[in-house]
């Protein structure tokens, strides 16, 4: 759930109730400065701390272990787990190991960088070899090192 101030932040606890009742680990995401929100003055960010405050009204929670390269901070509540992806309030760029492959065969190394590296032509060959490795390595160099800065790319365009 992408939590947005004044739009769906009142549903945070209800969604966790549903997740706990059905054995589903809920993930909350802070809104990202992407697409039309990239340079917008209207940015309804609801931070990780605000999400935790809402959940804390009904649940006690404690931090839980997550994978080393996870973008989510995990928490345990009685009956289950939930995670928060805090790209704005607690950036994880320095540990991000993600790449995105668009539907038209382009690699995106970082959501904050609109640079795309095409690999589609290589995927049409039975042995893409070293050139594929080189393009993946180049894509990785476009990652931000410290903080998400946003992009005018729309998430639907890059598989998000």
N, C-alpha and C. Protein backbone atom coordinates (compact mmCIF):
# COMPACT_ATOMS: atom_id res chain seq x y z
N UNK A 1 0.85 -1.17 0.00
CA UNK A 1 0.00 0.00 0.00
C UNK A 1 0.89 1.23 0.00
N UNK A 2 0.75 2.09 -0.99
CA UNK A 2 1.42 3.39 -0.99
C UNK A 2 0.56 4.31 -0.13
N UNK A 3 1.10 4.73 1.00
CA UNK A 3 0.32 5.52 1.96
C UNK A 3 0.44 6.99 1.60
N UNK A 4 -0.72 7.64 1.41
CA UNK A 4 -0.76 9.05 1.03
C UNK A 4 -1.60 9.85 2.02
N UNK A 5 -1.00 10.90 2.53
CA UNK A 5 -1.66 11.76 3.51
C UNK A 5 -2.99 12.29 2.96
N UNK A 6 -4.03 12.12 3.76
CA UNK A 6 -5.33 12.66 3.40
C UNK A 6 -6.09 11.85 2.37
N UNK A 7 -5.49 10.78 1.85
CA UNK A 7 -6.16 9.97 0.83
C UNK A 7 -6.45 8.56 1.32
N UNK A 8 -5.45 7.92 1.90
CA UNK A 8 -5.69 6.55 2.38
C UNK A 8 -4.98 6.25 3.70
N UNK A 9 -4.40 7.26 4.34
CA UNK A 9 -3.67 7.02 5.59
C UNK A 9 -4.58 6.49 6.69
N UNK A 10 -5.87 6.73 6.59
CA UNK A 10 -6.82 6.21 7.58
C UNK A 10 -7.03 4.70 7.45
N UNK A 11 -6.51 4.08 6.38
CA UNK A 11 -6.69 2.65 6.13
C UNK A 11 -5.50 1.80 6.58
N UNK A 12 -4.46 2.43 7.11
CA UNK A 12 -3.24 1.72 7.49
C UNK A 12 -3.53 0.57 8.45
N UNK A 13 -4.22 0.85 9.53
CA UNK A 13 -4.47 -0.18 10.55
C UNK A 13 -5.45 -1.23 10.04
N UNK A 14 -6.46 -0.81 9.31
CA UNK A 14 -7.42 -1.78 8.76
C UNK A 14 -6.73 -2.79 7.85
N UNK A 15 -5.79 -2.33 7.04
CA UNK A 15 -5.07 -3.24 6.16
C UNK A 15 -4.21 -4.21 6.98
N UNK A 16 -3.59 -3.72 8.03
CA UNK A 16 -2.80 -4.62 8.89
C UNK A 16 -3.71 -5.63 9.58
N UNK A 17 -4.88 -5.19 10.03
CA UNK A 17 -5.85 -6.13 10.61
C UNK A 17 -6.14 -7.27 9.63
N UNK A 18 -6.37 -6.91 8.38
CA UNK A 18 -6.67 -7.90 7.34
C UNK A 18 -5.47 -8.84 7.15
N UNK A 19 -4.27 -8.27 7.07
CA UNK A 19 -3.08 -9.08 6.89
C UNK A 19 -2.87 -10.07 8.02
N UNK A 20 -3.02 -9.60 9.26
CA UNK A 20 -2.86 -10.48 10.42
C UNK A 20 -3.91 -11.59 10.40
N UNK A 21 -5.14 -11.24 10.10
CA UNK A 21 -6.24 -12.22 10.09
C UNK A 21 -6.05 -13.29 9.01
N UNK A 22 -5.36 -12.95 7.92
CA UNK A 22 -5.23 -13.88 6.80
C UNK A 22 -3.79 -14.37 6.58
N UNK A 23 -2.90 -14.09 7.52
CA UNK A 23 -1.53 -14.57 7.39
C UNK A 23 -0.75 -13.92 6.27
N UNK A 24 -1.04 -12.66 5.98
CA UNK A 24 -0.38 -11.94 4.89
C UNK A 24 0.54 -10.87 5.49
N UNK A 25 1.77 -10.83 5.03
CA UNK A 25 2.69 -9.77 5.47
C UNK A 25 2.43 -8.53 4.63
N UNK A 26 1.89 -7.51 5.24
CA UNK A 26 1.54 -6.26 4.56
C UNK A 26 2.80 -5.42 4.38
N UNK A 27 2.89 -4.76 3.23
CA UNK A 27 3.98 -3.81 2.99
C UNK A 27 3.37 -2.43 2.77
N UNK A 28 3.93 -1.46 3.47
CA UNK A 28 3.56 -0.06 3.28
C UNK A 28 4.72 0.63 2.59
N UNK A 29 4.41 1.51 1.67
CA UNK A 29 5.45 2.26 0.96
C UNK A 29 5.23 3.75 1.16
N UNK A 30 6.31 4.45 1.40
CA UNK A 30 6.22 5.90 1.37
C UNK A 30 6.08 6.32 -0.09
N UNK A 31 5.28 7.33 -0.32
CA UNK A 31 5.08 7.86 -1.66
C UNK A 31 6.42 8.32 -2.23
N UNK A 32 6.62 8.04 -3.51
CA UNK A 32 7.88 8.41 -4.16
C UNK A 32 7.66 9.60 -5.09
N UNK A 33 8.67 10.44 -5.19
CA UNK A 33 8.62 11.59 -6.09
C UNK A 33 8.90 11.09 -7.51
N UNK A 34 7.87 10.51 -8.11
CA UNK A 34 7.99 9.91 -9.44
C UNK A 34 6.90 10.47 -10.34
N UNK A 35 7.17 10.44 -11.65
CA UNK A 35 6.18 10.85 -12.63
C UNK A 35 5.64 12.24 -12.34
N UNK A 36 4.32 12.41 -12.32
CA UNK A 36 3.74 13.74 -12.13
C UNK A 36 4.04 14.35 -10.76
N UNK A 37 4.44 13.55 -9.79
CA UNK A 37 4.76 14.08 -8.46
C UNK A 37 6.22 14.54 -8.34
N UNK A 38 7.02 14.30 -9.37
CA UNK A 38 8.46 14.57 -9.29
C UNK A 38 8.76 16.01 -8.86
N UNK A 39 8.14 16.98 -9.50
CA UNK A 39 8.41 18.39 -9.17
C UNK A 39 7.18 19.08 -8.60
N UNK A 40 6.22 18.31 -8.15
CA UNK A 40 4.97 18.87 -7.65
C UNK A 40 5.13 19.49 -6.26
N UNK A 41 4.45 20.60 -6.05
CA UNK A 41 4.40 21.20 -4.71
C UNK A 41 3.44 20.44 -3.81
N UNK A 42 2.52 19.70 -4.41
CA UNK A 42 1.56 18.88 -3.66
C UNK A 42 2.14 17.48 -3.55
N UNK A 43 2.67 17.15 -2.40
CA UNK A 43 3.30 15.85 -2.20
C UNK A 43 2.80 15.28 -0.88
N UNK A 44 1.77 14.43 -0.92
CA UNK A 44 1.13 13.94 0.31
C UNK A 44 1.89 12.82 1.02
N UNK A 45 3.16 13.08 1.32
CA UNK A 45 4.00 12.09 1.98
C UNK A 45 3.48 11.76 3.37
N UNK A 46 3.42 10.48 3.67
CA UNK A 46 3.09 9.96 5.00
C UNK A 46 4.28 9.10 5.37
N UNK A 47 5.07 9.54 6.34
CA UNK A 47 6.37 8.93 6.62
C UNK A 47 6.26 7.61 7.37
N UNK A 48 7.39 6.92 7.42
CA UNK A 48 7.46 5.67 8.17
C UNK A 48 7.06 5.89 9.62
N UNK A 49 7.54 6.95 10.24
CA UNK A 49 7.20 7.19 11.64
C UNK A 49 5.71 7.42 11.82
N UNK A 50 5.09 8.10 10.88
CA UNK A 50 3.64 8.32 10.95
C UNK A 50 2.88 7.00 10.78
N UNK A 51 3.37 6.14 9.91
CA UNK A 51 2.76 4.81 9.74
C UNK A 51 2.89 4.03 11.04
N UNK A 52 4.08 4.04 11.63
CA UNK A 52 4.29 3.34 12.91
C UNK A 52 3.41 3.93 14.01
N UNK A 53 3.25 5.23 14.03
CA UNK A 53 2.38 5.86 15.04
C UNK A 53 0.94 5.38 14.89
N UNK A 54 0.46 5.30 13.64
CA UNK A 54 -0.91 4.80 13.40
C UNK A 54 -1.05 3.36 13.89
N UNK A 55 -0.10 2.52 13.50
CA UNK A 55 -0.15 1.11 13.89
C UNK A 55 -0.05 0.98 15.40
N UNK A 56 0.77 1.82 16.02
CA UNK A 56 0.94 1.79 17.47
C UNK A 56 -0.31 2.14 18.26
N UNK A 57 -1.29 2.74 17.61
CA UNK A 57 -2.57 3.04 18.27
C UNK A 57 -3.33 1.75 18.60
N UNK A 58 -3.08 0.69 17.83
CA UNK A 58 -3.80 -0.56 18.04
C UNK A 58 -2.89 -1.74 18.37
N UNK A 59 -1.67 -1.72 17.88
CA UNK A 59 -0.77 -2.86 18.02
C UNK A 59 0.51 -2.44 18.74
N UNK A 60 1.08 -3.39 19.48
CA UNK A 60 2.47 -3.23 19.90
C UNK A 60 3.29 -3.88 18.79
N UNK A 61 4.42 -3.30 18.47
CA UNK A 61 5.26 -3.84 17.41
C UNK A 61 6.72 -3.77 17.83
N UNK A 62 7.51 -4.65 17.26
CA UNK A 62 8.95 -4.64 17.50
C UNK A 62 9.66 -4.86 16.16
N UNK A 63 10.84 -4.27 16.00
CA UNK A 63 11.60 -4.51 14.77
C UNK A 63 11.88 -6.00 14.59
N UNK A 64 11.85 -6.45 13.36
CA UNK A 64 12.13 -7.85 13.02
C UNK A 64 13.27 -7.87 12.01
N UNK A 65 13.94 -8.99 11.94
CA UNK A 65 15.05 -9.12 11.02
C UNK A 65 14.56 -9.13 9.58
N UNK A 66 15.33 -8.48 8.72
CA UNK A 66 15.05 -8.46 7.29
C UNK A 66 16.32 -8.88 6.55
N UNK A 67 16.17 -9.23 5.30
CA UNK A 67 17.34 -9.57 4.48
C UNK A 67 18.27 -8.36 4.41
N UNK A 68 19.56 -8.62 4.27
CA UNK A 68 20.56 -7.55 4.28
C UNK A 68 20.32 -6.51 3.19
N UNK A 69 19.86 -6.95 2.01
CA UNK A 69 19.65 -6.00 0.92
C UNK A 69 18.18 -5.62 0.75
N UNK A 70 17.39 -5.86 1.76
CA UNK A 70 15.96 -5.56 1.69
C UNK A 70 15.71 -4.06 1.65
N UNK A 71 14.73 -3.66 0.88
CA UNK A 71 14.31 -2.26 0.86
C UNK A 71 13.28 -1.99 1.95
N UNK A 72 12.81 -3.03 2.58
CA UNK A 72 11.76 -2.92 3.60
C UNK A 72 12.33 -3.07 5.00
N UNK A 73 11.84 -2.25 5.90
CA UNK A 73 12.12 -2.45 7.32
C UNK A 73 10.95 -3.25 7.87
N UNK A 74 11.25 -4.41 8.47
CA UNK A 74 10.21 -5.33 8.94
C UNK A 74 9.94 -5.14 10.42
N UNK A 75 8.68 -5.42 10.77
CA UNK A 75 8.24 -5.33 12.16
C UNK A 75 7.34 -6.52 12.47
N UNK A 76 7.38 -6.95 13.72
CA UNK A 76 6.52 -8.02 14.20
C UNK A 76 5.41 -7.41 15.03
N UNK A 77 4.19 -7.89 14.81
CA UNK A 77 3.05 -7.58 15.67
C UNK A 77 2.48 -8.92 16.10
N UNK A 78 1.75 -8.97 17.21
CA UNK A 78 1.14 -10.24 17.60
C UNK A 78 0.30 -10.79 16.44
N UNK A 79 0.69 -11.94 15.96
CA UNK A 79 -0.05 -12.59 14.88
C UNK A 79 0.56 -12.43 13.50
N UNK A 80 1.61 -11.64 13.35
CA UNK A 80 2.18 -11.50 12.02
C UNK A 80 3.27 -10.46 11.91
N UNK A 81 3.56 -10.11 10.66
CA UNK A 81 4.61 -9.16 10.34
C UNK A 81 4.08 -8.12 9.38
N UNK A 82 4.76 -6.98 9.33
CA UNK A 82 4.51 -5.99 8.29
C UNK A 82 5.84 -5.33 7.96
N UNK A 83 5.89 -4.68 6.83
CA UNK A 83 7.10 -3.98 6.43
C UNK A 83 6.78 -2.59 5.94
N UNK A 84 7.78 -1.73 6.01
CA UNK A 84 7.65 -0.37 5.49
C UNK A 84 8.85 -0.09 4.60
N UNK A 85 8.59 0.43 3.41
CA UNK A 85 9.65 0.83 2.50
C UNK A 85 9.75 2.36 2.60
N UNK A 86 10.74 2.84 3.36
CA UNK A 86 10.83 4.27 3.69
C UNK A 86 11.79 5.06 2.79
N UNK A 87 11.55 5.05 1.49
CA UNK A 87 12.50 5.67 0.57
C UNK A 87 12.73 7.16 0.81
N UNK A 88 11.78 7.86 1.39
CA UNK A 88 11.96 9.29 1.65
C UNK A 88 12.56 9.56 3.02
N UNK A 89 12.00 8.96 4.06
CA UNK A 89 12.42 9.30 5.42
C UNK A 89 13.63 8.50 5.92
N UNK A 90 13.90 7.35 5.33
CA UNK A 90 15.06 6.54 5.72
C UNK A 90 15.62 5.85 4.48
N UNK A 91 16.26 6.62 3.59
CA UNK A 91 16.73 6.07 2.32
C UNK A 91 17.66 4.86 2.50
N UNK A 92 17.56 3.95 1.56
CA UNK A 92 18.34 2.71 1.61
C UNK A 92 19.19 2.55 0.36
N UNK A 93 19.46 3.65 -0.32
CA UNK A 93 20.17 3.60 -1.60
C UNK A 93 21.51 2.89 -1.51
N UNK A 94 22.23 3.08 -0.43
CA UNK A 94 23.57 2.50 -0.32
C UNK A 94 23.55 0.97 -0.27
N UNK A 95 22.41 0.37 0.06
CA UNK A 95 22.33 -1.09 0.11
C UNK A 95 21.40 -1.67 -0.95
N UNK A 96 20.86 -0.83 -1.82
CA UNK A 96 19.91 -1.30 -2.83
C UNK A 96 20.63 -2.16 -3.88
N UNK A 97 20.08 -3.34 -4.13
CA UNK A 97 20.65 -4.24 -5.14
C UNK A 97 19.66 -4.47 -6.28
N UNK A 98 18.67 -3.61 -6.41
CA UNK A 98 17.61 -3.82 -7.39
C UNK A 98 17.94 -3.23 -8.75
N UNK A 99 17.51 -3.92 -9.79
CA UNK A 99 17.45 -3.41 -11.15
C UNK A 99 16.03 -3.67 -11.63
N UNK A 100 15.54 -2.85 -12.54
CA UNK A 100 14.22 -3.10 -13.13
C UNK A 100 14.39 -3.32 -14.62
N UNK A 101 13.62 -4.26 -15.14
CA UNK A 101 13.60 -4.53 -16.57
C UNK A 101 12.24 -4.12 -17.08
N UNK A 102 12.21 -3.15 -18.00
CA UNK A 102 10.94 -2.67 -18.53
C UNK A 102 10.36 -3.68 -19.51
N UNK A 103 9.11 -3.49 -19.85
CA UNK A 103 8.44 -4.41 -20.77
C UNK A 103 9.01 -4.33 -22.18
N UNK A 104 9.74 -3.27 -22.49
CA UNK A 104 10.35 -3.17 -23.82
C UNK A 104 11.85 -3.46 -23.80
N UNK A 105 12.32 -4.16 -22.75
CA UNK A 105 13.67 -4.68 -22.73
C UNK A 105 14.76 -3.70 -22.34
N UNK A 106 14.43 -2.74 -21.48
CA UNK A 106 15.45 -1.79 -21.02
C UNK A 106 15.66 -1.95 -19.52
N UNK A 107 16.92 -1.90 -19.11
CA UNK A 107 17.27 -1.97 -17.69
C UNK A 107 17.28 -0.57 -17.10
N UNK A 108 16.70 -0.45 -15.92
CA UNK A 108 16.73 0.80 -15.16
C UNK A 108 17.49 0.48 -13.88
N UNK A 109 18.62 1.12 -13.69
CA UNK A 109 19.46 0.84 -12.53
C UNK A 109 18.98 1.51 -11.26
N UNK A 110 18.29 2.64 -11.41
CA UNK A 110 17.85 3.39 -10.23
C UNK A 110 16.59 4.17 -10.58
N UNK A 111 15.63 4.15 -9.69
CA UNK A 111 14.40 4.89 -9.92
C UNK A 111 14.62 6.40 -9.91
N UNK A 112 15.74 6.86 -9.36
CA UNK A 112 16.07 8.29 -9.37
C UNK A 112 16.81 8.72 -10.63
N UNK A 113 17.11 7.79 -11.50
CA UNK A 113 17.89 8.11 -12.69
C UNK A 113 17.14 7.59 -13.91
N UNK A 114 16.73 8.47 -14.81
CA UNK A 114 15.93 8.04 -15.96
C UNK A 114 16.72 7.30 -17.04
N UNK A 115 18.03 7.12 -16.86
CA UNK A 115 18.84 6.44 -17.87
C UNK A 115 18.44 4.97 -17.97
N UNK A 116 18.18 4.55 -19.19
CA UNK A 116 17.81 3.16 -19.46
C UNK A 116 18.86 2.54 -20.38
N UNK A 117 19.18 1.29 -20.14
CA UNK A 117 20.14 0.56 -20.97
C UNK A 117 19.38 -0.56 -21.67
N UNK A 118 19.35 -0.52 -22.99
CA UNK A 118 18.62 -1.54 -23.73
C UNK A 118 19.39 -2.86 -23.74
N UNK A 119 18.66 -3.94 -23.43
CA UNK A 119 19.25 -5.28 -23.55
C UNK A 119 18.38 -6.17 -24.44
N UNK A 120 17.33 -5.60 -24.97
CA UNK A 120 16.39 -6.40 -25.78
C UNK A 120 17.09 -7.07 -26.95
N UNK A 121 17.94 -6.33 -27.64
CA UNK A 121 18.63 -6.91 -28.80
C UNK A 121 19.48 -8.11 -28.40
N UNK A 122 20.00 -8.09 -27.19
CA UNK A 122 20.83 -9.21 -26.72
C UNK A 122 19.99 -10.42 -26.33
N UNK A 123 18.78 -10.17 -25.87
CA UNK A 123 17.93 -11.28 -25.43
C UNK A 123 17.38 -12.08 -26.60
N UNK A 124 17.45 -11.52 -27.79
CA UNK A 124 17.01 -12.25 -28.98
C UNK A 124 18.06 -13.25 -29.46
N UNK A 125 19.24 -13.24 -28.86
CA UNK A 125 20.32 -14.16 -29.23
C UNK A 125 20.40 -15.29 -28.22
N UNK A 126 20.85 -16.43 -28.69
CA UNK A 126 20.94 -17.59 -27.79
C UNK A 126 22.10 -17.45 -26.80
N UNK A 127 23.10 -16.64 -27.12
CA UNK A 127 24.24 -16.47 -26.22
C UNK A 127 24.64 -14.99 -26.16
N UNK A 128 24.00 -14.22 -25.27
CA UNK A 128 24.30 -12.78 -25.21
C UNK A 128 25.69 -12.47 -24.67
N UNK A 129 26.27 -13.42 -23.93
CA UNK A 129 27.65 -13.33 -23.50
C UNK A 129 28.04 -12.10 -22.71
N UNK A 130 29.27 -11.69 -22.96
CA UNK A 130 29.90 -10.62 -22.20
C UNK A 130 29.18 -9.29 -22.37
N UNK A 131 28.61 -9.05 -23.52
CA UNK A 131 27.93 -7.76 -23.75
C UNK A 131 26.76 -7.56 -22.79
N UNK A 132 26.03 -8.61 -22.49
CA UNK A 132 24.94 -8.51 -21.51
C UNK A 132 25.51 -8.16 -20.13
N UNK A 133 26.58 -8.83 -19.75
CA UNK A 133 27.22 -8.53 -18.46
C UNK A 133 27.68 -7.08 -18.41
N UNK A 134 28.24 -6.58 -19.51
CA UNK A 134 28.70 -5.19 -19.56
C UNK A 134 27.55 -4.21 -19.40
N UNK A 135 26.44 -4.48 -20.05
CA UNK A 135 25.30 -3.57 -19.96
C UNK A 135 24.66 -3.59 -18.57
N UNK A 136 24.59 -4.77 -17.97
CA UNK A 136 24.08 -4.85 -16.59
C UNK A 136 25.00 -4.07 -15.66
N UNK A 137 26.30 -4.25 -15.82
CA UNK A 137 27.27 -3.52 -14.98
C UNK A 137 27.14 -2.02 -15.18
N UNK A 138 26.93 -1.58 -16.41
CA UNK A 138 26.73 -0.15 -16.67
C UNK A 138 25.47 0.36 -15.99
N UNK A 139 24.41 -0.42 -16.06
CA UNK A 139 23.16 -0.03 -15.41
C UNK A 139 23.34 0.15 -13.91
N UNK A 140 24.12 -0.70 -13.30
CA UNK A 140 24.38 -0.61 -11.85
C UNK A 140 25.08 0.70 -11.51
N UNK A 141 25.91 1.21 -12.42
CA UNK A 141 26.64 2.46 -12.12
C UNK A 141 25.71 3.66 -12.02
N UNK A 142 24.48 3.54 -12.48
CA UNK A 142 23.54 4.66 -12.42
C UNK A 142 22.79 4.74 -11.09
N UNK A 143 23.09 3.85 -10.18
CA UNK A 143 22.42 3.87 -8.87
C UNK A 143 22.86 5.08 -8.05
N UNK A 144 21.91 5.65 -7.29
CA UNK A 144 22.22 6.73 -6.36
C UNK A 144 22.97 6.12 -5.18
N UNK A 145 23.85 6.88 -4.57
CA UNK A 145 24.63 6.32 -3.46
C UNK A 145 24.04 6.63 -2.09
N UNK A 146 23.29 7.71 -1.97
CA UNK A 146 22.84 8.08 -0.62
C UNK A 146 21.35 8.26 -0.46
N UNK A 147 20.69 8.94 -1.39
CA UNK A 147 19.27 9.23 -1.17
C UNK A 147 18.50 9.26 -2.48
N UNK A 148 17.26 8.84 -2.40
CA UNK A 148 16.35 8.89 -3.53
C UNK A 148 16.05 10.34 -3.85
N UNK A 149 16.25 10.74 -5.11
CA UNK A 149 16.02 12.14 -5.48
C UNK A 149 14.80 12.32 -6.37
N UNK A 150 14.22 11.24 -6.83
CA UNK A 150 13.03 11.33 -7.67
C UNK A 150 13.36 11.31 -9.14
N UNK A 151 12.30 11.20 -9.94
CA UNK A 151 12.46 11.11 -11.39
C UNK A 151 11.13 11.41 -12.04
N UNK A 152 11.18 11.93 -13.27
CA UNK A 152 9.93 12.17 -13.99
C UNK A 152 9.41 10.90 -14.66
N UNK A 153 10.12 9.79 -14.52
CA UNK A 153 9.64 8.51 -15.04
C UNK A 153 8.38 8.09 -14.29
N UNK A 154 7.41 7.57 -15.00
CA UNK A 154 6.23 7.02 -14.35
C UNK A 154 6.47 5.57 -13.96
N UNK A 155 6.01 5.19 -12.78
CA UNK A 155 6.24 3.82 -12.30
C UNK A 155 5.63 2.79 -13.25
N UNK A 156 4.49 3.08 -13.85
CA UNK A 156 3.87 2.09 -14.74
C UNK A 156 4.75 1.84 -15.96
N UNK A 157 5.54 2.81 -16.35
CA UNK A 157 6.41 2.66 -17.50
C UNK A 157 7.59 1.75 -17.20
N UNK A 158 8.02 1.71 -15.95
CA UNK A 158 9.22 0.94 -15.61
C UNK A 158 8.91 -0.28 -14.75
N UNK A 159 7.67 -0.69 -14.74
CA UNK A 159 7.34 -1.94 -14.07
C UNK A 159 7.06 -1.82 -12.59
N UNK A 160 6.59 -0.68 -12.15
CA UNK A 160 6.32 -0.50 -10.73
C UNK A 160 4.88 -0.35 -10.41
